[in-house]
Protein backbone atom coordinates (compact mmCIF):
# COMPACT_ATOMS: atom_id res chain seq x y z
CA MET A 1 -0.16 -0.06 -0.08
CA ARG A 2 1.24 3.50 -0.86
CA CYS A 3 1.19 6.38 1.89
CA PRO A 4 -1.72 8.69 1.32
CA LEU A 5 0.26 11.61 2.55
CA CYS A 6 4.00 10.86 0.94
CA ASN A 7 3.19 8.28 -1.57
CA SER A 8 6.13 6.01 0.08
CA GLU A 9 5.39 2.22 0.28
CA MET A 10 4.02 1.18 3.45
CA GLN A 11 4.85 -1.73 5.70
CA GLU A 12 1.76 -3.85 6.23
CA GLY A 13 1.25 -5.30 9.94
CA GLY A 14 -1.42 -4.88 12.83
CA LEU A 15 -2.08 -3.36 16.05
CA VAL A 16 -2.05 -5.14 19.31
CA ILE A 17 -3.69 -3.74 22.21
CA ASP A 18 -3.30 -4.97 25.82
CA GLY A 19 -6.50 -4.68 27.89
CA VAL A 20 -9.67 -3.04 26.28
CA ALA A 21 -10.74 -3.38 22.64
CA PRO A 22 -10.06 0.12 20.83
CA GLY A 23 -13.32 1.64 19.59
CA TRP A 24 -14.48 4.60 17.27
CA VAL A 25 -17.10 7.45 18.33
CA PRO A 26 -18.41 10.45 16.28
CA LEU A 27 -16.46 13.59 16.94
CA GLU A 28 -18.84 15.14 19.24
CA GLN A 29 -18.53 12.12 21.53
CA PHE A 30 -14.72 11.95 21.24
CA GLN A 31 -14.65 15.43 22.61
CA LYS A 32 -16.47 15.13 25.58
CA ARG A 33 -15.03 16.32 28.56
CA GLY A 34 -14.94 15.71 32.68
CA LEU A 35 -17.44 12.95 33.59
CA HIS A 36 -19.51 12.72 30.32
CA ARG A 37 -16.44 11.19 28.78
CA LEU A 38 -17.19 8.13 30.58
CA VAL A 39 -20.32 7.41 28.79
CA HIS A 40 -20.51 7.32 25.04
CA THR A 41 -23.05 6.57 22.39
CA GLY A 42 -22.21 5.32 19.11
CA LEU A 43 -19.16 3.43 19.90
CA ARG A 44 -18.10 0.97 17.05
CA THR A 45 -15.46 -1.68 18.31
CA ILE A 46 -12.54 -2.84 15.93
CA GLY A 47 -10.52 -6.11 16.29
CA LYS A 48 -10.37 -9.44 17.71
CA THR A 49 -10.28 -9.70 21.65
CA SER A 50 -8.77 -12.87 23.53
CA ILE A 51 -9.82 -12.72 27.22
CA LEU A 52 -7.55 -15.48 27.87
CA LEU A 53 -4.49 -13.23 26.68
CA ARG A 54 -6.27 -10.02 27.49
CA GLN A 55 -5.25 -8.82 23.98
CA THR A 56 -7.10 -7.38 21.13
CA LYS A 57 -5.60 -7.80 17.54
CA VAL A 58 -6.51 -5.60 14.60
CA SER A 59 -5.41 -6.38 11.00
CA ASN A 60 -4.88 -4.02 8.03
CA ALA A 61 -2.81 -1.42 9.55
CA PHE A 62 0.06 -0.14 7.69
CA PHE A 63 2.96 1.90 8.80
CA CYS A 64 4.87 4.53 6.68
CA ALA A 65 8.50 5.06 8.07
CA ARG A 66 8.78 8.37 6.28
CA CYS A 67 5.72 9.90 7.72
CA ASN A 68 5.86 7.93 11.01
CA LYS A 69 2.34 7.39 10.68
CA ILE A 70 -0.10 4.36 10.79
CA ILE A 71 -3.27 3.93 8.71
CA GLY A 72 -5.81 1.14 8.86
CA VAL A 73 -8.69 -0.19 7.10
CA PHE A 74 -10.73 -1.97 9.99
CA ASP A 75 -13.55 -4.10 9.98
CA VAL A 76 -16.20 -3.17 12.58
CA THR A 77 -16.87 -5.92 15.12
CA ASN A 78 -20.22 -4.71 16.70
CA ALA A 79 -23.60 -3.79 15.32
CA LEU A 80 -24.58 -0.30 15.92
CA GLU A 81 -28.19 -0.40 17.18
CA VAL A 82 -30.58 2.12 15.45
């Protein structure tokens, strides 16, 4: 994959998160402050969690050594209820 910022070749890999699974929230939820930030609506999680290892692995993460950035294309692992 080519870096969309500098067009250099990127190294394919994945993310490993120890503990809690990572998630995405809409910007207004992400910017919450104080106690309000403890509760988010619209949370979408990514990755496969192993309770036994206490790790979440997320594939499709690409690293650009030139920009020092990680860019990813992630599958959402939970269904958002509407």
